[in-house]
Amino acid sequence: MIPLDISRSLNRLGMISLLFVLGLGGTGLSAGVLAQQPSSSSSATDSTATEAPQPQVSVSLDPQQVAPGESATLRITVLVPTYLPKPVVFPTIVQPNLRVLLPERATSPTSSRIDGKTWSGVSRSYRLIPLSPGDFHFRDQSVEVSYIDPNGGEAPLVSEIALAPLSLSASVPDAAAGLDPYIAASSIELQQSLTVVHADDTSAESAPAADGGQTDTRGETSRETLIQDLQQPVELDAGDSLRRDITATLEGGSVILLPALLDESAPQGLGVYPTSPKVDESATGGSRTESVTYVAEGGGEGQLPEVTLRWFNPESGKIDQATLPAVEVKVSGPALPRVEARGNLLPWLVTAAIAVIVLILLGWLWWRWGRSAWQTRRQQQAIQRERSGHTALSRLRRATNAHQLPECQQAWRRLQGSAAILSRERIDAVEAALSTLGRLSYSSQGLASQGPISQALESQELESQELESQELAPQEHVAEQQPSDSDRQQQLVSAWQALKQALPTSSELRSTRRVPALPPLNPTRSNA
């Protein structure tokens, strides 16, 4: 049995041992945990190193509310942690009634400090000018950025970053509510110049003009005169011309909003010939120049209309106005009837267009259906003329006039084979004439009149006949008197005249029956 003191001592020793063991275990656990922490930190460092920072893109619009004609600046800034090997692809902004301009040096380099490091990039500025009241929204826009990998990668990184949506509002100020058209500017100046070109007829062909003008080869001298006193009437003669130039210079606004300054109205006796306007735009405004030439075509007098321009001044908040006075014009000479306005030509052009369309339609209808019907009609008429004998009679007449005997005989046979009925006297007369022509043309008596070949054949035949007669009757000589060439030619002419008179007329041709051009569609036994 262990004493009580010793037992207590052993218990204390066991507890100390247990605490020591637990202490070593806890120390080992803490060491394991501490050993794992650097590994976890290293993993986080590796993850951070593999993920490159994205480019920073910012968008600003200043101001966001303007009046039509005023401008706002849209700025897009792109920053990257390294540098840009390729230009940034900025969006293209296109919207109706919105004028978008890129000012000088619209794209410029920039830099900024982010997280203690210097980021570099570029900035692009757009100048937005609303041309009418309304809201303009900029959505679904993005930029494409290529930048060097900050982790040392060989290939550049490419990112497409969406832009934050923005809106621009354009509204007419209350002070300019009744202004039509709306024009906003700090100042507008109107200037006017008048130039008269005199055309004087002279007798000289190429001599220089006495007053320094230019003379063309037709003897017309042109002299330009700049009108200094615009308050006095401008006097013109027939053939003279007056050029009116008006320039509007605008500051503090958009020259695009300026309307047309001149129209085509003119007094009696003046022809109007406008030219295209010339617009010069600048960063602070611009100018618009219009020119109209008036040609004196007849006597008369009147006024060229005045020019008035009203605009809203944002600096004063009021509506300002500029005016050019009207111009008095007098044209000497007799008055001419006023030529109709150009706008009245529109009905004539419409009528002409309709007529052309109708003609084209009729031509197409004729080609589609009328042409085949016309060809069928002509074929039927040809068949009818062939059957009635008119075609054969026409051929017979042409062959008779040309003295072509074989063609005459062929046409006569076709005429007899047609449905035409000829009288017996007519048939006998034609056949007698053809028989006479055949005898004179093909017999030995008629060969003398048929040319050199026929004469050679005739001489050979006569020689053979003489040899036969000498063998049979050497003691006898029979002299036969043959007609001369002139007599034979006269006989042929008479025979052709007789045939021409014997031919029947068109009225003598008649048919006893009408044979259809085509066989019946459904033949029957009785028809067969």
Protein backbone atom coordinates (compact mmCIF):
# COMPACT_ATOMS: atom_id res chain seq x y z
CA MET A 1 0.00 0.00 0.00
CA ILE A 2 1.38 3.32 -1.20
CA PRO A 3 1.44 6.14 1.28
CA LEU A 4 -0.80 9.06 0.62
CA ASP A 5 2.05 11.54 -0.01
CA ILE A 6 3.71 9.31 -2.55
CA SER A 7 0.39 8.81 -4.36
CA ARG A 8 -0.15 12.49 -4.56
CA SER A 9 3.33 12.96 -5.95
CA LEU A 10 2.76 10.37 -8.68
CA ASN A 11 -0.49 12.02 -9.68
CA ARG A 12 1.22 15.33 -10.02
CA LEU A 13 3.97 13.76 -12.13
CA GLY A 14 1.40 12.12 -14.44
CA MET A 15 -0.42 15.38 -14.97
CA ILE A 16 2.86 17.17 -15.75
CA SER A 17 3.74 14.45 -18.26
CA LEU A 18 0.32 14.71 -19.88
CA LEU A 19 0.62 18.46 -20.14
CA PHE A 20 4.08 18.11 -21.69
CA VAL A 21 2.79 15.67 -24.29
CA LEU A 22 -0.17 17.92 -25.05
CA GLY A 23 2.19 20.88 -25.31
CA LEU A 24 4.38 19.10 -27.82
CA GLY A 25 1.28 18.14 -29.85
CA GLY A 26 -0.03 21.67 -29.81
CA THR A 27 3.37 22.99 -30.83
CA GLY A 28 3.47 20.53 -33.72
CA LEU A 29 -0.08 21.52 -34.80
CA SER A 30 0.83 25.19 -34.63
CA ALA A 31 3.96 24.56 -36.63
CA GLY A 32 1.91 22.70 -39.25
CA VAL A 33 -0.53 25.53 -39.49
CA LEU A 34 2.28 28.08 -39.72
CA ALA A 35 3.95 25.96 -42.37
CA GLN A 36 0.77 25.89 -44.40
CA GLN A 37 0.29 29.66 -44.28
CA PRO A 38 3.23 30.52 -46.55
CA SER A 39 1.99 27.90 -48.97
CA SER A 40 -1.43 29.53 -48.99
CA SER A 41 0.15 32.96 -49.42
CA SER A 42 2.33 31.63 -52.21
CA SER A 43 -0.75 30.23 -53.98
CA ALA A 44 -2.50 33.58 -53.70
CA THR A 45 0.61 35.30 -55.05
CA ASP A 46 0.76 32.89 -57.97
CA SER A 47 -2.97 33.44 -58.71
CA THR A 48 -2.49 37.21 -58.61
CA ALA A 49 0.53 36.92 -60.86
CA THR A 50 -1.36 34.91 -63.47
CA GLU A 51 -4.30 37.34 -63.67
CA ALA A 52 -3.18 40.49 -65.53
CA PRO A 53 -4.99 43.72 -64.63
CA GLN A 54 -7.62 44.84 -67.12
CA PRO A 55 -7.46 48.19 -68.94
CA GLN A 56 -9.28 51.08 -67.33
CA VAL A 57 -11.82 52.83 -69.64
CA SER A 58 -13.75 55.95 -68.65
CA VAL A 59 -16.37 57.97 -70.58
CA SER A 60 -17.50 61.54 -69.94
CA LEU A 61 -19.99 63.86 -71.68
CA ASP A 62 -19.94 67.59 -70.99
CA PRO A 63 -22.47 69.15 -71.02
CA GLN A 64 -25.26 66.61 -71.14
CA GLN A 65 -27.97 69.10 -72.09
CA VAL A 66 -27.58 71.64 -74.93
CA ALA A 67 -29.67 73.55 -77.44
CA PRO A 68 -29.78 72.59 -81.14
CA GLY A 69 -26.67 73.94 -82.83
CA GLU A 70 -24.61 73.96 -79.64
CA SER A 71 -21.83 71.43 -79.13
CA ALA A 72 -21.02 68.91 -76.39
CA THR A 73 -17.75 67.01 -75.90
CA LEU A 74 -17.71 63.24 -75.53
CA ARG A 75 -14.36 61.98 -74.18
CA ILE A 76 -13.21 58.34 -73.99
CA THR A 77 -10.02 57.60 -71.98
CA VAL A 78 -8.19 54.24 -72.09
CA LEU A 79 -5.39 53.34 -69.61
CA VAL A 80 -3.26 50.18 -69.48
CA PRO A 81 -0.58 49.05 -66.94
CA THR A 82 2.12 48.66 -69.64
CA TYR A 83 1.89 50.27 -73.07
CA LEU A 84 -0.13 49.99 -76.32
CA PRO A 85 1.55 48.19 -79.24
CA LYS A 86 -1.45 48.94 -81.52
CA PRO A 87 -3.87 51.88 -81.73
CA VAL A 88 -7.07 51.60 -79.76
CA VAL A 89 -10.13 50.88 -81.89
CA PHE A 90 -12.63 53.57 -80.86
CA PRO A 91 -16.35 53.34 -81.75
CA THR A 92 -17.94 55.15 -84.70
CA ILE A 93 -20.81 57.36 -83.53
CA VAL A 94 -23.58 57.87 -86.10
CA GLN A 95 -27.09 59.03 -85.28
CA PRO A 96 -29.79 60.89 -87.22
CA ASN A 97 -29.88 64.68 -86.75
CA LEU A 98 -26.57 64.55 -84.87
CA ARG A 99 -23.40 66.02 -86.34
CA VAL A 100 -20.23 64.31 -85.05
CA LEU A 101 -16.88 66.01 -85.59
CA LEU A 102 -13.33 65.12 -84.60
CA PRO A 103 -11.50 68.32 -83.67
CA GLU A 104 -7.82 68.87 -84.26
CA ARG A 105 -5.71 66.49 -82.18
CA ALA A 106 -8.82 64.57 -81.19
CA THR A 107 -6.66 61.67 -80.02
CA SER A 108 -3.87 62.45 -77.54
CA PRO A 109 -1.70 60.42 -75.12
CA THR A 110 -2.42 60.46 -71.40
CA SER A 111 -1.27 58.83 -68.13
CA SER A 112 -2.49 58.40 -64.55
CA ARG A 113 -1.37 56.92 -61.17
CA ILE A 114 -3.33 53.81 -60.19
CA ASP A 115 -2.41 51.84 -57.01
CA GLY A 116 0.87 53.64 -56.84
CA LYS A 117 1.85 52.75 -60.41
CA THR A 118 1.84 54.83 -63.58
CA TRP A 119 -0.63 53.70 -66.22
CA SER A 120 -0.40 55.07 -69.77
CA GLY A 121 -2.98 55.31 -72.55
CA VAL A 122 -4.84 57.55 -74.99
CA SER A 123 -7.87 59.82 -74.95
CA ARG A 124 -10.31 60.47 -77.82
CA SER A 125 -12.64 63.52 -77.99
CA TYR A 126 -15.81 63.83 -80.09
CA ARG A 127 -17.64 67.06 -80.80
CA LEU A 128 -21.40 66.41 -80.85
CA ILE A 129 -23.77 68.98 -82.40
CA PRO A 130 -27.53 68.23 -82.35
CA LEU A 131 -29.30 69.60 -85.42
CA SER A 132 -32.80 69.28 -83.98
CA PRO A 133 -34.42 68.95 -80.56
CA GLY A 134 -34.46 65.48 -79.04
CA ASP A 135 -32.59 62.92 -76.93
CA PHE A 136 -29.54 61.11 -78.26
CA HIS A 137 -28.55 57.89 -76.49
CA PHE A 138 -25.12 56.25 -76.72
CA ARG A 139 -25.49 52.58 -75.94
CA ASP A 140 -23.96 49.26 -77.00
CA GLN A 141 -20.61 50.90 -77.73
CA SER A 142 -17.22 49.32 -76.98
CA VAL A 143 -13.48 49.83 -77.48
CA GLU A 144 -10.91 47.23 -78.47
CA VAL A 145 -7.60 47.52 -76.58
CA SER A 146 -4.33 45.68 -77.32
CA TYR A 147 -1.60 45.99 -74.62
CA ILE A 148 1.57 44.26 -73.54
CA ASP A 149 1.17 41.49 -70.94
CA PRO A 150 2.51 42.81 -67.60
CA ASN A 151 3.47 39.22 -66.61
CA GLY A 152 5.97 39.02 -69.47
CA GLY A 153 3.88 37.13 -71.97
CA GLU A 154 5.10 37.22 -75.56
CA ALA A 155 1.72 37.84 -77.21
CA PRO A 156 -0.14 41.12 -76.54
CA LEU A 157 -3.39 40.90 -74.64
CA VAL A 158 -6.58 41.98 -76.42
CA SER A 159 -9.67 43.13 -74.53
CA GLU A 160 -13.01 44.46 -75.76
CA ILE A 161 -14.50 46.67 -73.10
CA ALA A 162 -18.07 47.97 -73.17
CA LEU A 163 -18.65 51.67 -72.59
CA ALA A 164 -21.00 53.03 -70.00
CA PRO A 165 -24.26 54.31 -71.55
CA LEU A 166 -24.74 58.08 -71.81
CA SER A 167 -27.44 60.43 -73.12
CA LEU A 168 -27.39 63.87 -74.67
CA SER A 169 -30.52 66.01 -74.54
CA ALA A 170 -31.15 68.90 -76.98
CA SER A 171 -34.01 71.30 -76.33
CA VAL A 172 -34.97 74.76 -77.58
CA PRO A 173 -34.78 77.46 -74.92
CA ASP A 174 -38.05 79.06 -73.87
CA ALA A 175 -36.89 82.43 -75.21
CA ALA A 176 -36.49 80.91 -78.71
CA ALA A 177 -39.69 78.86 -78.75
CA GLY A 178 -41.16 80.78 -81.72
CA LEU A 179 -37.96 80.83 -83.80
CA ASP A 180 -38.28 78.88 -87.07
CA PRO A 181 -35.82 77.69 -88.16
CA TYR A 182 -33.90 77.54 -84.91
CA ILE A 183 -30.43 79.10 -85.17
CA ALA A 184 -28.11 79.59 -82.21
CA ALA A 185 -25.09 81.89 -82.49
CA SER A 186 -23.37 84.64 -80.60
CA SER A 187 -23.30 86.81 -83.74
CA ILE A 188 -24.27 86.67 -87.43
CA GLU A 189 -23.17 89.22 -90.03
CA LEU A 190 -24.79 89.61 -93.48
CA GLN A 191 -22.91 91.12 -96.43
CA GLN A 192 -24.19 91.87 -99.93
CA SER A 193 -22.44 92.75 -103.22
CA LEU A 194 -23.93 93.58 -106.65
CA THR A 195 -22.01 93.18 -109.92
CA VAL A 196 -23.42 94.27 -113.30
CA VAL A 197 -22.04 92.68 -116.48
CA HIS A 198 -22.84 94.79 -119.55
CA ALA A 199 -22.96 93.06 -122.95
CA ASP A 200 -22.59 95.71 -125.74
CA ASP A 201 -22.68 94.74 -129.44
CA THR A 202 -19.75 96.19 -131.39
CA SER A 203 -18.64 95.95 -134.99
CA ALA A 204 -15.10 94.93 -134.12
CA GLU A 205 -14.26 91.27 -134.34
CA SER A 206 -11.21 91.02 -132.14
CA ALA A 207 -10.22 94.58 -131.18
CA PRO A 208 -9.72 95.23 -127.44
CA ALA A 209 -12.48 97.06 -125.62
CA ALA A 210 -11.99 100.77 -125.02
CA ASP A 211 -12.88 100.53 -121.33
CA GLY A 212 -10.65 97.60 -120.58
CA GLY A 213 -13.33 94.90 -120.92
CA GLN A 214 -12.94 91.66 -122.83
CA THR A 215 -14.16 91.36 -126.41
CA ASP A 216 -14.85 87.92 -127.87
CA THR A 217 -14.66 86.91 -131.51
CA ARG A 218 -18.39 87.52 -132.01
CA GLY A 219 -18.00 91.24 -131.37
CA GLU A 220 -19.59 91.24 -127.90
CA THR A 221 -17.83 93.29 -125.20
CA SER A 222 -18.42 92.34 -121.53
CA ARG A 223 -17.84 95.03 -118.89
CA GLU A 224 -18.16 94.27 -115.19
CA THR A 225 -19.20 97.03 -112.83
CA LEU A 226 -19.35 96.68 -109.05
CA ILE A 227 -22.27 98.66 -107.64
CA GLN A 228 -21.05 100.89 -104.81
CA ASP A 229 -24.28 102.70 -103.89
CA LEU A 230 -26.78 99.99 -103.03
CA GLN A 231 -29.48 102.55 -102.29
CA GLN A 232 -29.85 103.64 -105.95
CA PRO A 233 -31.79 101.56 -108.53
CA VAL A 234 -29.73 99.27 -110.77
CA GLU A 235 -30.36 100.00 -114.47
CA LEU A 236 -29.93 97.24 -117.02
CA ASP A 237 -30.22 96.96 -120.79
CA ALA A 238 -31.31 93.92 -122.76
CA GLY A 239 -28.60 91.27 -122.50
CA ASP A 240 -27.03 92.66 -119.31
CA SER A 241 -26.77 90.53 -116.18
CA LEU A 242 -26.75 91.31 -112.47
CA ARG A 243 -24.99 89.01 -110.00
CA ARG A 244 -26.09 89.23 -106.36
CA ASP A 245 -23.72 87.70 -103.78
CA ILE A 246 -24.77 87.35 -100.13
CA THR A 247 -22.51 86.04 -97.36
CA ALA A 248 -23.61 85.15 -93.82
CA THR A 249 -20.76 84.87 -91.28
CA LEU A 250 -21.64 83.06 -88.03
CA GLU A 251 -19.76 82.97 -84.74
CA GLY A 252 -20.48 80.83 -81.69
CA GLY A 253 -22.67 78.24 -83.42
CA SER A 254 -22.96 75.78 -86.29
CA VAL A 255 -23.09 77.17 -89.82
CA ILE A 256 -24.87 74.00 -90.91
CA LEU A 257 -28.08 75.32 -89.35
CA LEU A 258 -28.18 78.39 -91.61
CA PRO A 259 -31.12 78.22 -94.07
CA ALA A 260 -31.17 79.31 -97.74
CA LEU A 261 -30.71 83.05 -98.03
CA LEU A 262 -31.98 83.68 -101.60
CA ASP A 263 -34.92 82.32 -103.58
CA GLU A 264 -35.75 82.37 -107.31
CA SER A 265 -38.21 85.26 -107.23
CA ALA A 266 -37.40 88.18 -109.56
CA PRO A 267 -39.14 91.16 -111.21
CA GLN A 268 -40.67 91.05 -114.68
CA GLY A 269 -38.07 90.82 -117.45
CA LEU A 270 -35.31 89.08 -115.44
CA GLY A 271 -34.25 85.46 -115.82
CA VAL A 272 -33.04 83.78 -112.61
CA TYR A 273 -29.97 81.50 -112.60
CA PRO A 274 -28.85 80.44 -109.07
CA THR A 275 -25.61 78.63 -108.22
CA SER A 276 -24.83 76.10 -105.52
CA PRO A 277 -24.13 77.63 -102.09
CA LYS A 278 -20.63 77.56 -100.64
CA VAL A 279 -20.26 76.64 -96.96
CA ASP A 280 -17.02 77.10 -95.01
CA GLU A 281 -17.04 75.65 -91.48
CA SER A 282 -14.63 76.50 -88.70
CA ALA A 283 -14.17 75.53 -85.06
CA THR A 284 -16.07 78.60 -83.84
CA GLY A 285 -18.66 78.94 -86.63
CA GLY A 286 -18.23 79.50 -90.37
CA SER A 287 -19.78 81.26 -93.35
CA ARG A 288 -22.34 80.56 -96.07
CA THR A 289 -22.21 82.30 -99.47
CA GLU A 290 -24.98 82.24 -102.07
CA SER A 291 -24.95 83.75 -105.57
CA VAL A 292 -27.79 84.38 -108.04
CA THR A 293 -27.42 85.85 -111.55
CA TYR A 294 -30.32 87.81 -113.05
CA VAL A 295 -30.29 88.22 -116.86
CA ALA A 296 -32.21 91.08 -118.49
CA GLU A 297 -34.52 89.42 -121.03
CA GLY A 298 -37.12 92.19 -121.47
CA GLY A 299 -38.26 95.53 -120.18
CA GLY A 300 -39.60 95.89 -116.65
CA GLU A 301 -38.82 97.04 -113.15
CA GLY A 302 -39.19 95.78 -109.60
CA GLN A 303 -37.32 94.76 -106.46
CA LEU A 304 -35.06 91.93 -105.51
CA PRO A 305 -36.38 90.74 -102.11
CA GLU A 306 -34.69 91.72 -98.87
CA VAL A 307 -32.88 89.11 -96.78
CA THR A 308 -33.70 88.75 -93.08
CA LEU A 309 -32.11 86.32 -90.65
CA ARG A 310 -33.18 85.81 -87.00
CA TRP A 311 -31.24 83.74 -84.45
CA PHE A 312 -31.04 83.02 -80.72
CA ASN A 313 -28.10 84.45 -78.83
CA PRO A 314 -27.23 82.15 -75.86
CA GLU A 315 -25.04 84.82 -74.28
CA SER A 316 -27.83 87.41 -74.03
CA GLY A 317 -30.71 84.95 -73.97
CA LYS A 318 -32.53 86.98 -76.65
CA ILE A 319 -33.36 86.77 -80.35
CA ASP A 320 -31.20 88.93 -82.62
CA GLN A 321 -31.86 89.88 -86.24
CA ALA A 322 -29.84 90.94 -89.31
CA THR A 323 -31.38 92.38 -92.51
CA LEU A 324 -30.18 93.26 -96.00
CA PRO A 325 -32.32 95.83 -97.87
CA ALA A 326 -34.17 95.08 -101.12
CA VAL A 327 -32.56 96.08 -104.44
CA GLU A 328 -34.39 98.23 -107.02
CA VAL A 329 -33.88 97.01 -110.62
CA LYS A 330 -34.96 98.69 -113.89
CA VAL A 331 -34.65 96.97 -117.27
CA SER A 332 -35.01 99.11 -120.40
CA GLY A 333 -36.69 97.80 -123.56
CA PRO A 334 -40.06 96.33 -124.48
CA ALA A 335 -41.69 94.04 -121.98
CA LEU A 336 -41.63 90.34 -122.79
CA PRO A 337 -44.21 87.76 -121.75
CA ARG A 338 -43.31 86.15 -118.49
CA VAL A 339 -41.90 82.66 -118.84
CA GLU A 340 -43.75 80.11 -116.77
CA ALA A 341 -42.15 79.11 -113.53
CA ARG A 342 -40.00 76.03 -113.53
CA GLY A 343 -42.31 74.32 -111.13
CA ASN A 344 -45.08 74.31 -113.79
CA LEU A 345 -43.00 71.91 -115.86
CA LEU A 346 -43.81 69.13 -113.44
CA PRO A 347 -47.28 68.34 -114.93
CA TRP A 348 -45.75 68.20 -118.40
CA LEU A 349 -43.03 65.87 -117.21
CA VAL A 350 -45.58 63.63 -115.52
CA THR A 351 -47.70 63.56 -118.70
CA ALA A 352 -44.67 62.70 -120.82
CA ALA A 353 -43.67 59.94 -118.42
CA ILE A 354 -47.19 58.47 -118.53
CA ALA A 355 -47.18 58.61 -122.34
CA VAL A 356 -43.85 56.80 -122.49
CA ILE A 357 -45.09 54.13 -120.11
CA VAL A 358 -48.28 53.64 -122.18
CA LEU A 359 -46.24 53.32 -125.38
CA ILE A 360 -43.95 50.78 -123.77
CA LEU A 361 -46.96 48.80 -122.52
CA LEU A 362 -48.60 48.85 -125.95
CA GLY A 363 -45.37 47.73 -127.57
CA TRP A 364 -45.08 44.84 -125.13
CA LEU A 365 -48.70 43.81 -125.71
CA TRP A 366 -48.13 43.94 -129.47
CA TRP A 367 -44.98 41.81 -129.18
CA ARG A 368 -46.67 39.36 -126.83
CA TRP A 369 -50.00 38.81 -128.64
CA GLY A 370 -50.54 41.22 -131.54
CA ARG A 371 -47.46 40.16 -133.52
CA SER A 372 -48.47 36.50 -133.69
CA ALA A 373 -52.03 37.43 -134.72
CA TRP A 374 -50.71 39.77 -137.41
CA GLN A 375 -48.37 37.08 -138.77
CA THR A 376 -51.21 34.54 -138.80
CA ARG A 377 -53.40 37.03 -140.69
CA ARG A 378 -50.70 37.64 -143.27
CA GLN A 379 -50.19 33.90 -143.78
CA GLN A 380 -53.91 33.41 -144.33
CA GLN A 381 -53.98 36.24 -146.83
CA ALA A 382 -51.00 34.76 -148.67
CA ILE A 383 -52.72 31.37 -148.83
CA GLN A 384 -55.92 32.98 -150.10
CA ARG A 385 -54.06 34.92 -152.81
CA GLU A 386 -52.22 31.76 -153.86
CA ARG A 387 -55.46 29.82 -154.06
CA SER A 388 -57.33 32.51 -155.99
CA GLY A 389 -54.52 32.85 -158.54
CA HIS A 390 -53.53 36.45 -157.75
CA THR A 391 -50.03 35.41 -156.66
CA ALA A 392 -49.46 33.39 -159.87
CA LEU A 393 -50.81 36.26 -161.98
CA SER A 394 -48.41 38.72 -160.31
CA ARG A 395 -45.46 36.43 -160.99
CA LEU A 396 -46.62 35.99 -164.61
CA ARG A 397 -46.73 39.75 -165.12
CA ARG A 398 -43.26 40.27 -163.64
CA ALA A 399 -41.78 37.49 -165.81
CA THR A 400 -43.48 38.95 -168.90
CA ASN A 401 -42.07 42.40 -168.26
CA ALA A 402 -38.60 40.87 -167.76
CA HIS A 403 -38.94 38.69 -170.94
CA GLN A 404 -38.24 35.50 -168.95
CA LEU A 405 -39.98 32.69 -170.84
CA PRO A 406 -39.34 29.77 -168.43
CA GLU A 407 -40.71 31.80 -165.50
CA CYS A 408 -43.71 32.78 -167.60
CA GLN A 409 -44.50 29.17 -168.41
CA GLN A 410 -44.15 28.11 -164.77
CA ALA A 411 -46.36 30.96 -163.50
CA TRP A 412 -49.00 30.16 -166.17
CA ARG A 413 -49.14 26.54 -165.04
CA ARG A 414 -49.60 27.67 -161.42
CA LEU A 415 -52.35 30.05 -162.48
CA GLN A 416 -54.18 27.26 -164.32
CA GLY A 417 -53.81 25.01 -161.26
CA SER A 418 -55.42 27.58 -158.94
CA ALA A 419 -59.12 27.99 -158.23
CA ALA A 420 -59.38 30.85 -160.71
CA ILE A 421 -61.75 30.40 -163.67
CA LEU A 422 -60.61 31.89 -166.96
CA SER A 423 -62.53 32.16 -170.19
CA ARG A 424 -61.60 29.89 -173.09
CA GLU A 425 -60.68 32.84 -175.27
CA ARG A 426 -58.28 34.11 -172.60
CA ILE A 427 -56.65 30.69 -172.23
CA ASP A 428 -56.24 30.23 -175.98
CA ALA A 429 -54.73 33.71 -176.39
CA VAL A 430 -52.15 33.17 -173.62
CA GLU A 431 -51.20 29.71 -174.82
CA ALA A 432 -50.86 30.96 -178.40
CA ALA A 433 -48.56 33.76 -177.26
CA LEU A 434 -46.46 31.36 -175.18
CA SER A 435 -46.29 28.91 -178.11
CA THR A 436 -45.08 31.65 -180.46
CA LEU A 437 -42.42 32.73 -177.95
CA GLY A 438 -41.31 29.14 -177.53
CA ARG A 439 -41.02 28.62 -181.28
CA LEU A 440 -39.06 31.82 -181.75
CA SER A 441 -36.81 31.16 -178.76
CA TYR A 442 -36.09 27.43 -179.13
CA SER A 443 -36.50 26.67 -182.89
CA SER A 444 -33.68 27.00 -185.41
CA GLN A 445 -35.33 30.06 -186.90
CA GLY A 446 -35.19 31.83 -183.62
CA LEU A 447 -31.68 30.96 -182.51
CA ALA A 448 -30.10 33.83 -184.39
CA SER A 449 -31.54 36.32 -181.97
CA GLN A 450 -30.34 34.55 -178.82
CA GLY A 451 -26.72 35.80 -178.71
CA PRO A 452 -23.26 34.51 -179.65
CA ILE A 453 -23.70 31.00 -178.28
CA SER A 454 -26.94 30.48 -180.19
CA GLN A 455 -25.35 31.78 -183.39
CA ALA A 456 -22.45 29.31 -183.04
CA LEU A 457 -24.89 26.42 -182.58
CA GLU A 458 -26.88 27.58 -185.60
CA SER A 459 -23.75 27.77 -187.83
CA GLN A 460 -22.73 24.24 -186.83
CA GLU A 461 -26.20 22.93 -187.65
CA LEU A 462 -26.21 24.68 -191.07
CA GLU A 463 -22.81 23.21 -191.98
CA SER A 464 -24.00 19.71 -191.13
CA GLN A 465 -27.14 20.22 -193.23
CA GLU A 466 -25.05 21.42 -196.20
CA LEU A 467 -22.79 18.34 -196.04
CA GLU A 468 -25.80 16.01 -196.00
CA SER A 469 -27.38 17.81 -198.95
CA GLN A 470 -24.11 17.59 -200.95
CA GLU A 471 -23.88 13.81 -200.36
CA LEU A 472 -27.49 13.14 -201.29
CA ALA A 473 -27.81 15.57 -204.19
CA PRO A 474 -24.46 16.84 -205.29
CA GLN A 475 -25.97 18.30 -208.43
CA GLU A 476 -28.69 20.25 -206.75
CA HIS A 477 -28.33 23.44 -204.75
CA VAL A 478 -31.30 24.70 -202.88
CA ALA A 479 -31.06 28.27 -201.68
CA GLU A 480 -33.37 29.05 -198.90
CA GLN A 481 -33.98 32.60 -197.91
CA GLN A 482 -33.96 33.00 -194.12
CA PRO A 483 -35.20 36.10 -192.22
CA SER A 484 -32.64 38.63 -191.02
CA ASP A 485 -31.71 39.27 -187.37
CA SER A 486 -33.72 42.46 -187.21
CA ASP A 487 -36.83 40.65 -188.39
CA ARG A 488 -36.42 37.95 -185.79
CA GLN A 489 -35.96 40.52 -183.03
CA GLN A 490 -39.09 42.31 -184.15
CA GLN A 491 -41.01 39.05 -184.06
CA LEU A 492 -39.93 38.43 -180.46
CA VAL A 493 -40.97 41.91 -179.40
CA SER A 494 -44.34 41.44 -181.03
CA ALA A 495 -44.77 38.06 -179.36
CA TRP A 496 -44.03 39.53 -175.90
CA GLN A 497 -46.51 42.34 -176.54
CA ALA A 498 -49.13 39.82 -177.55
CA LEU A 499 -48.54 37.83 -174.34
CA LYS A 500 -48.79 40.97 -172.23
CA GLN A 501 -52.12 41.87 -173.82
CA ALA A 502 -53.42 38.33 -173.50
CA LEU A 503 -52.86 38.16 -169.74
CA PRO A 504 -56.05 38.28 -167.65
CA THR A 505 -56.79 41.14 -165.24
CA SER A 506 -57.25 40.80 -161.49
CA SER A 507 -60.99 41.38 -161.81
CA GLU A 508 -61.33 38.36 -164.11
CA LEU A 509 -60.06 36.01 -161.43
CA ARG A 510 -62.87 34.42 -159.49
CA SER A 511 -63.26 31.28 -157.47
CA THR A 512 -66.16 28.85 -157.59
CA ARG A 513 -65.49 27.44 -154.13
CA ARG A 514 -63.78 28.47 -150.90
CA VAL A 515 -61.40 25.89 -149.50
CA PRO A 516 -60.64 26.43 -145.80
CA ALA A 517 -57.05 27.30 -144.97
CA LEU A 518 -56.87 24.47 -142.41
CA PRO A 519 -58.53 21.04 -142.35
CA PRO A 520 -61.48 20.58 -139.99
CA LEU A 521 -60.61 19.79 -136.40
CA ASN A 522 -62.97 16.74 -136.22
CA PRO A 523 -63.20 15.12 -139.68
CA THR A 524 -66.14 12.73 -140.23
CA ARG A 525 -66.68 9.82 -142.59
CA SER A 526 -68.80 11.97 -144.89
CA ASN A 527 -66.01 14.53 -145.13
CA ALA A 528 -63.53 11.77 -145.82
